[in-house]
């Protein structure tokens, strides 16, 4: 029983640590990053069982999550280019064409991708 509890706890910690890059894609505020990870650790197990029941109905979830991760990666890359401090890239000067995406646009895009994915998945499984 102890091994099972350690395995579940370590899985929760691993998933919470895995979400750190996604949080840094939205904000650099250390308090928000810490709080989001703490809440992720507390609620992850309950969400796992909820999503486990819905997983057979969410047929497009993998595509939506891939799109979210791609968007977060692209926004992190654009932010790094916008705040460039590397001496070998553009002589350490910020890249002027790289836009600075506001948090509202990032959160709205992520919410829209997840909403479209959920709607399309539920529509497909309800008609099948």
N, C-alpha and C. Protein backbone atom coordinates (compact mmCIF):
# COMPACT_ATOMS: atom_id res chain seq x y z
N UNK A 1 0.82 -1.19 0.00
CA UNK A 1 0.00 0.00 0.00
C UNK A 1 0.87 1.26 0.00
N UNK A 2 1.98 1.21 0.71
CA UNK A 2 2.88 2.35 0.75
C UNK A 2 3.46 2.65 -0.63
N UNK A 3 3.78 1.60 -1.36
CA UNK A 3 4.34 1.78 -2.71
C UNK A 3 3.32 2.45 -3.62
N UNK A 4 2.05 2.06 -3.50
CA UNK A 4 1.00 2.66 -4.31
C UNK A 4 0.83 4.13 -3.97
N UNK A 5 0.85 4.46 -2.70
CA UNK A 5 0.71 5.87 -2.29
C UNK A 5 1.88 6.71 -2.78
N UNK A 6 3.09 6.16 -2.71
CA UNK A 6 4.27 6.88 -3.21
C UNK A 6 4.18 7.05 -4.72
N UNK A 7 3.70 6.03 -5.43
CA UNK A 7 3.56 6.13 -6.88
C UNK A 7 2.54 7.20 -7.27
N UNK A 8 1.42 7.24 -6.59
CA UNK A 8 0.40 8.25 -6.88
C UNK A 8 0.91 9.65 -6.56
N UNK A 9 1.57 9.80 -5.41
CA UNK A 9 2.11 11.10 -5.04
C UNK A 9 3.18 11.58 -6.00
N UNK A 10 4.06 10.68 -6.41
CA UNK A 10 5.12 11.08 -7.34
C UNK A 10 4.54 11.42 -8.72
N UNK A 11 3.48 10.74 -9.13
CA UNK A 11 2.82 11.06 -10.39
C UNK A 11 2.21 12.45 -10.34
N UNK A 12 1.58 12.79 -9.20
CA UNK A 12 1.01 14.14 -9.05
C UNK A 12 2.10 15.20 -9.13
N UNK A 13 3.22 14.96 -8.46
CA UNK A 13 4.32 15.93 -8.49
C UNK A 13 4.88 16.05 -9.90
N UNK A 14 5.03 14.92 -10.59
CA UNK A 14 5.57 14.95 -11.95
C UNK A 14 4.67 15.74 -12.89
N UNK A 15 3.36 15.54 -12.81
CA UNK A 15 2.45 16.29 -13.66
C UNK A 15 2.44 17.78 -13.31
N UNK A 16 2.55 18.10 -12.03
CA UNK A 16 2.60 19.51 -11.63
C UNK A 16 3.88 20.16 -12.14
N UNK A 17 5.00 19.46 -12.07
CA UNK A 17 6.25 20.01 -12.58
C UNK A 17 6.23 20.12 -14.10
N UNK A 18 5.48 19.25 -14.74
CA UNK A 18 5.37 19.29 -16.19
C UNK A 18 4.61 20.52 -16.67
N UNK A 19 3.78 21.08 -15.81
CA UNK A 19 2.99 22.25 -16.21
C UNK A 19 3.73 23.57 -16.01
N UNK A 20 4.91 23.54 -15.43
CA UNK A 20 5.65 24.78 -15.18
C UNK A 20 5.95 25.54 -16.48
N UNK A 21 6.42 24.89 -17.56
CA UNK A 21 6.64 25.67 -18.79
C UNK A 21 5.37 26.32 -19.33
N UNK A 22 4.24 25.66 -19.17
CA UNK A 22 2.99 26.25 -19.63
C UNK A 22 2.65 27.49 -18.82
N UNK A 23 2.90 27.47 -17.54
CA UNK A 23 2.61 28.63 -16.69
C UNK A 23 3.57 29.77 -17.04
N UNK A 24 4.84 29.43 -17.26
CA UNK A 24 5.79 30.48 -17.64
C UNK A 24 5.47 31.06 -19.00
N UNK A 25 4.72 30.34 -19.83
CA UNK A 25 4.28 30.90 -21.10
C UNK A 25 3.25 31.99 -20.91
N UNK A 26 2.59 32.00 -19.74
CA UNK A 26 1.57 33.01 -19.47
C UNK A 26 2.08 34.15 -18.61
N UNK A 27 2.91 33.83 -17.61
CA UNK A 27 3.35 34.87 -16.68
C UNK A 27 4.73 34.53 -16.12
N UNK A 28 5.44 35.55 -15.69
CA UNK A 28 6.74 35.37 -15.04
C UNK A 28 6.64 35.66 -13.54
N UNK A 29 5.46 35.94 -13.06
CA UNK A 29 5.25 36.27 -11.64
C UNK A 29 5.45 35.01 -10.80
N UNK A 30 6.45 34.98 -9.89
CA UNK A 30 6.74 33.76 -9.14
C UNK A 30 5.59 33.31 -8.25
N UNK A 31 4.84 34.25 -7.68
CA UNK A 31 3.72 33.88 -6.82
C UNK A 31 2.65 33.12 -7.60
N UNK A 32 2.34 33.60 -8.80
CA UNK A 32 1.33 32.92 -9.62
C UNK A 32 1.80 31.54 -10.06
N UNK A 33 3.08 31.42 -10.40
CA UNK A 33 3.61 30.11 -10.81
C UNK A 33 3.54 29.13 -9.64
N UNK A 34 3.95 29.57 -8.46
CA UNK A 34 3.90 28.70 -7.28
C UNK A 34 2.46 28.32 -6.93
N UNK A 35 1.56 29.30 -6.94
CA UNK A 35 0.16 29.04 -6.59
C UNK A 35 -0.49 28.09 -7.59
N UNK A 36 -0.23 28.29 -8.87
CA UNK A 36 -0.80 27.41 -9.89
C UNK A 36 -0.31 25.98 -9.72
N UNK A 37 0.96 25.81 -9.38
CA UNK A 37 1.48 24.46 -9.16
C UNK A 37 0.93 23.84 -7.89
N UNK A 38 0.74 24.64 -6.85
CA UNK A 38 0.15 24.11 -5.62
C UNK A 38 -1.28 23.64 -5.86
N UNK A 39 -2.05 24.44 -6.58
CA UNK A 39 -3.42 24.03 -6.88
C UNK A 39 -3.45 22.84 -7.84
N UNK A 40 -2.47 22.77 -8.71
CA UNK A 40 -2.39 21.62 -9.61
C UNK A 40 -2.13 20.35 -8.81
N UNK A 41 -1.27 20.44 -7.81
CA UNK A 41 -1.00 19.27 -6.97
C UNK A 41 -2.23 18.85 -6.17
N UNK A 42 -3.00 19.83 -5.69
CA UNK A 42 -4.17 19.51 -4.88
C UNK A 42 -5.32 18.94 -5.70
N UNK A 43 -5.51 19.44 -6.91
CA UNK A 43 -6.69 19.05 -7.66
C UNK A 43 -6.45 18.06 -8.77
N UNK A 44 -5.21 17.66 -8.98
CA UNK A 44 -4.90 16.83 -10.13
C UNK A 44 -5.52 15.44 -10.02
N UNK A 45 -5.50 14.86 -8.85
CA UNK A 45 -6.03 13.51 -8.70
C UNK A 45 -7.53 13.47 -8.97
N UNK A 46 -8.26 14.46 -8.48
CA UNK A 46 -9.70 14.50 -8.71
C UNK A 46 -9.99 14.74 -10.19
N UNK A 47 -9.22 15.60 -10.83
CA UNK A 47 -9.43 15.85 -12.26
C UNK A 47 -9.07 14.63 -13.09
N UNK A 48 -8.12 13.84 -12.61
CA UNK A 48 -7.74 12.63 -13.34
C UNK A 48 -8.93 11.68 -13.45
N UNK A 49 -9.65 11.48 -12.35
CA UNK A 49 -10.80 10.59 -12.39
C UNK A 49 -11.93 11.17 -13.23
N UNK A 50 -12.10 12.49 -13.17
CA UNK A 50 -13.12 13.13 -13.99
C UNK A 50 -12.79 12.99 -15.47
N UNK A 51 -11.55 13.30 -15.83
CA UNK A 51 -11.14 13.19 -17.23
C UNK A 51 -11.09 11.74 -17.69
N UNK A 52 -10.80 10.82 -16.77
CA UNK A 52 -10.79 9.40 -17.14
C UNK A 52 -12.16 8.95 -17.61
N UNK A 53 -13.22 9.47 -16.99
CA UNK A 53 -14.56 9.13 -17.42
C UNK A 53 -14.96 9.80 -18.72
N UNK A 54 -14.41 10.97 -18.97
CA UNK A 54 -14.75 11.71 -20.19
C UNK A 54 -13.83 11.39 -21.37
N UNK A 55 -12.75 10.69 -21.11
CA UNK A 55 -11.72 10.50 -22.14
C UNK A 55 -12.24 9.75 -23.36
N UNK A 56 -13.16 8.81 -23.17
CA UNK A 56 -13.69 8.08 -24.32
C UNK A 56 -14.59 8.97 -25.18
N UNK A 57 -15.11 10.07 -24.61
CA UNK A 57 -15.94 10.99 -25.38
C UNK A 57 -15.14 12.12 -26.02
N UNK A 58 -13.96 12.40 -25.50
CA UNK A 58 -13.11 13.48 -26.02
C UNK A 58 -12.15 12.92 -27.07
N UNK A 59 -12.65 12.71 -28.27
CA UNK A 59 -11.85 12.07 -29.31
C UNK A 59 -10.83 13.02 -29.93
N UNK A 60 -11.05 14.32 -29.83
CA UNK A 60 -10.13 15.29 -30.40
C UNK A 60 -9.25 15.96 -29.34
N UNK A 61 -9.22 15.41 -28.14
CA UNK A 61 -8.46 16.02 -27.05
C UNK A 61 -6.97 16.07 -27.35
N UNK A 62 -6.43 15.02 -27.95
CA UNK A 62 -4.99 15.00 -28.24
C UNK A 62 -4.62 16.08 -29.26
N UNK A 63 -5.47 16.32 -30.22
CA UNK A 63 -5.21 17.36 -31.22
C UNK A 63 -5.27 18.75 -30.56
N UNK A 64 -6.27 18.96 -29.72
CA UNK A 64 -6.40 20.24 -29.03
C UNK A 64 -5.24 20.51 -28.09
N UNK A 65 -4.81 19.50 -27.34
CA UNK A 65 -3.68 19.70 -26.44
C UNK A 65 -2.39 19.93 -27.21
N UNK A 66 -2.23 19.27 -28.34
CA UNK A 66 -1.06 19.52 -29.18
C UNK A 66 -1.07 20.95 -29.70
N UNK A 67 -2.24 21.46 -30.06
CA UNK A 67 -2.34 22.84 -30.54
C UNK A 67 -2.04 23.82 -29.41
N UNK A 68 -2.51 23.53 -28.20
CA UNK A 68 -2.23 24.41 -27.05
C UNK A 68 -0.74 24.43 -26.76
N UNK A 69 -0.11 23.26 -26.72
CA UNK A 69 1.32 23.22 -26.45
C UNK A 69 2.12 23.90 -27.56
N UNK A 70 1.71 23.74 -28.80
CA UNK A 70 2.37 24.43 -29.90
C UNK A 70 2.24 25.94 -29.78
N UNK A 71 1.04 26.41 -29.43
CA UNK A 71 0.83 27.84 -29.24
C UNK A 71 1.68 28.38 -28.10
N UNK A 72 1.74 27.66 -26.99
CA UNK A 72 2.54 28.11 -25.85
C UNK A 72 4.02 28.14 -26.22
N UNK A 73 4.48 27.13 -26.95
CA UNK A 73 5.87 27.13 -27.39
C UNK A 73 6.18 28.29 -28.32
N UNK A 74 5.27 28.57 -29.25
CA UNK A 74 5.48 29.69 -30.17
C UNK A 74 5.45 31.02 -29.42
N UNK A 75 4.55 31.17 -28.46
CA UNK A 75 4.50 32.43 -27.72
C UNK A 75 5.73 32.61 -26.84
N UNK A 76 6.26 31.52 -26.29
CA UNK A 76 7.49 31.63 -25.51
C UNK A 76 8.67 32.00 -26.41
N UNK A 77 8.72 31.45 -27.61
CA UNK A 77 9.78 31.79 -28.55
C UNK A 77 9.68 33.25 -28.99
N UNK A 78 8.47 33.72 -29.27
CA UNK A 78 8.29 35.13 -29.64
C UNK A 78 8.67 36.07 -28.51
N UNK A 79 8.35 35.68 -27.27
CA UNK A 79 8.72 36.51 -26.13
C UNK A 79 10.23 36.54 -25.95
N UNK A 80 10.88 35.40 -26.16
CA UNK A 80 12.34 35.37 -26.05
C UNK A 80 12.98 36.23 -27.14
N UNK A 81 12.43 36.23 -28.33
CA UNK A 81 12.95 37.09 -29.39
C UNK A 81 12.68 38.56 -29.10
N UNK A 82 11.51 38.84 -28.53
CA UNK A 82 11.14 40.22 -28.22
C UNK A 82 12.05 40.80 -27.14
N UNK A 83 12.44 39.98 -26.16
CA UNK A 83 13.31 40.42 -25.06
C UNK A 83 14.73 39.90 -25.25
N UNK A 84 15.21 39.87 -26.46
CA UNK A 84 16.50 39.26 -26.79
C UNK A 84 17.65 39.87 -26.00
N UNK A 85 18.45 38.99 -25.36
CA UNK A 85 19.67 39.42 -24.67
C UNK A 85 20.86 38.59 -25.11
N UNK A 86 20.70 37.80 -26.16
CA UNK A 86 21.78 36.95 -26.64
C UNK A 86 22.69 37.75 -27.56
N UNK A 87 23.99 37.78 -27.28
CA UNK A 87 24.88 38.62 -28.09
C UNK A 87 25.06 38.11 -29.53
N UNK A 88 24.84 36.84 -29.77
CA UNK A 88 25.03 36.31 -31.12
C UNK A 88 23.78 36.42 -31.99
N UNK A 89 22.67 36.87 -31.42
CA UNK A 89 21.43 37.02 -32.18
C UNK A 89 21.06 38.50 -32.23
N UNK A 90 21.16 39.10 -33.40
CA UNK A 90 20.80 40.51 -33.60
C UNK A 90 21.63 41.43 -32.68
N UNK A 91 22.86 41.06 -32.44
CA UNK A 91 23.79 41.81 -31.58
C UNK A 91 23.23 42.11 -30.20
N UNK A 92 22.42 41.21 -29.66
CA UNK A 92 21.86 41.38 -28.32
C UNK A 92 20.70 42.35 -28.25
N UNK A 93 20.26 42.85 -29.38
CA UNK A 93 19.14 43.79 -29.41
C UNK A 93 17.84 43.01 -29.61
N UNK A 94 16.74 43.53 -29.08
CA UNK A 94 15.45 42.85 -29.31
C UNK A 94 15.10 42.78 -30.79
N UNK A 95 14.48 41.70 -31.18
CA UNK A 95 14.04 41.52 -32.56
C UNK A 95 12.77 42.33 -32.73
N UNK A 96 12.78 43.26 -33.67
CA UNK A 96 11.68 44.23 -33.78
C UNK A 96 10.39 43.62 -34.33
N UNK A 97 10.48 42.58 -35.15
CA UNK A 97 9.26 42.03 -35.74
C UNK A 97 8.55 41.06 -34.80
N UNK A 98 9.19 40.65 -33.70
CA UNK A 98 8.57 39.70 -32.78
C UNK A 98 7.55 40.41 -31.90
N UNK A 99 6.28 40.05 -32.01
CA UNK A 99 5.26 40.73 -31.21
C UNK A 99 5.29 40.28 -29.75
N UNK A 100 4.80 41.13 -28.89
CA UNK A 100 4.64 40.80 -27.48
C UNK A 100 3.17 40.50 -27.25
N UNK A 101 2.84 39.23 -27.10
CA UNK A 101 1.43 38.83 -26.94
C UNK A 101 0.95 39.12 -25.53
N UNK A 102 -0.13 39.85 -25.37
CA UNK A 102 -0.69 40.07 -24.04
C UNK A 102 -1.26 38.77 -23.46
N UNK A 103 -1.36 38.73 -22.15
CA UNK A 103 -1.86 37.54 -21.47
C UNK A 103 -3.30 37.26 -21.87
N UNK A 104 -4.08 38.30 -22.08
CA UNK A 104 -5.49 38.12 -22.46
C UNK A 104 -5.60 37.35 -23.78
N UNK A 105 -4.75 37.68 -24.73
CA UNK A 105 -4.78 36.98 -26.02
C UNK A 105 -4.34 35.53 -25.84
N UNK A 106 -3.30 35.31 -25.03
CA UNK A 106 -2.83 33.94 -24.80
C UNK A 106 -3.90 33.09 -24.13
N UNK A 107 -4.49 33.61 -23.07
CA UNK A 107 -5.54 32.85 -22.37
C UNK A 107 -6.77 32.65 -23.25
N UNK A 108 -7.13 33.67 -24.00
CA UNK A 108 -8.27 33.54 -24.90
C UNK A 108 -8.04 32.50 -25.98
N UNK A 109 -6.83 32.47 -26.53
CA UNK A 109 -6.51 31.47 -27.55
C UNK A 109 -6.56 30.07 -26.98
N UNK A 110 -5.98 29.88 -25.80
CA UNK A 110 -5.98 28.56 -25.16
C UNK A 110 -7.40 28.13 -24.84
N UNK A 111 -8.20 29.04 -24.29
CA UNK A 111 -9.60 28.71 -23.97
C UNK A 111 -10.39 28.38 -25.23
N UNK A 112 -10.16 29.13 -26.30
CA UNK A 112 -10.87 28.88 -27.55
C UNK A 112 -10.49 27.52 -28.14
N UNK A 113 -9.21 27.19 -28.12
CA UNK A 113 -8.77 25.88 -28.64
C UNK A 113 -9.42 24.76 -27.85
N UNK A 114 -9.40 24.87 -26.52
CA UNK A 114 -9.99 23.81 -25.69
C UNK A 114 -11.51 23.74 -25.86
N UNK A 115 -12.16 24.88 -25.99
CA UNK A 115 -13.61 24.88 -26.18
C UNK A 115 -14.00 24.27 -27.52
N UNK A 116 -13.27 24.63 -28.57
CA UNK A 116 -13.55 24.05 -29.90
C UNK A 116 -13.31 22.55 -29.89
N UNK A 117 -12.22 22.13 -29.24
CA UNK A 117 -11.91 20.70 -29.15
C UNK A 117 -13.01 19.95 -28.40
N UNK A 118 -13.43 20.49 -27.27
CA UNK A 118 -14.47 19.83 -26.48
C UNK A 118 -15.80 19.79 -27.24
N UNK A 119 -16.17 20.90 -27.86
CA UNK A 119 -17.43 20.95 -28.61
C UNK A 119 -17.41 19.96 -29.77
N UNK A 120 -16.31 19.94 -30.54
CA UNK A 120 -16.23 19.02 -31.68
C UNK A 120 -16.23 17.57 -31.22
N UNK A 121 -15.56 17.29 -30.12
CA UNK A 121 -15.53 15.91 -29.61
C UNK A 121 -16.91 15.46 -29.15
N UNK A 122 -17.57 16.32 -28.38
CA UNK A 122 -18.90 15.94 -27.87
C UNK A 122 -19.92 15.83 -29.02
N UNK A 123 -19.79 16.69 -30.00
CA UNK A 123 -20.71 16.61 -31.15
C UNK A 123 -20.49 15.31 -31.93
N UNK A 124 -19.24 14.93 -32.11
CA UNK A 124 -18.97 13.69 -32.85
C UNK A 124 -19.45 12.46 -32.10
N UNK A 125 -19.21 12.41 -30.77
CA UNK A 125 -19.63 11.22 -30.03
C UNK A 125 -21.12 11.16 -29.79
N UNK A 126 -21.80 12.32 -29.80
CA UNK A 126 -23.25 12.28 -29.60
C UNK A 126 -23.99 11.84 -30.85
N UNK A 127 -23.41 12.06 -32.04
CA UNK A 127 -24.06 11.65 -33.27
C UNK A 127 -23.65 10.25 -33.70
N UNK A 128 -22.59 9.73 -33.09
CA UNK A 128 -22.12 8.40 -33.50
C UNK A 128 -22.90 7.29 -32.87
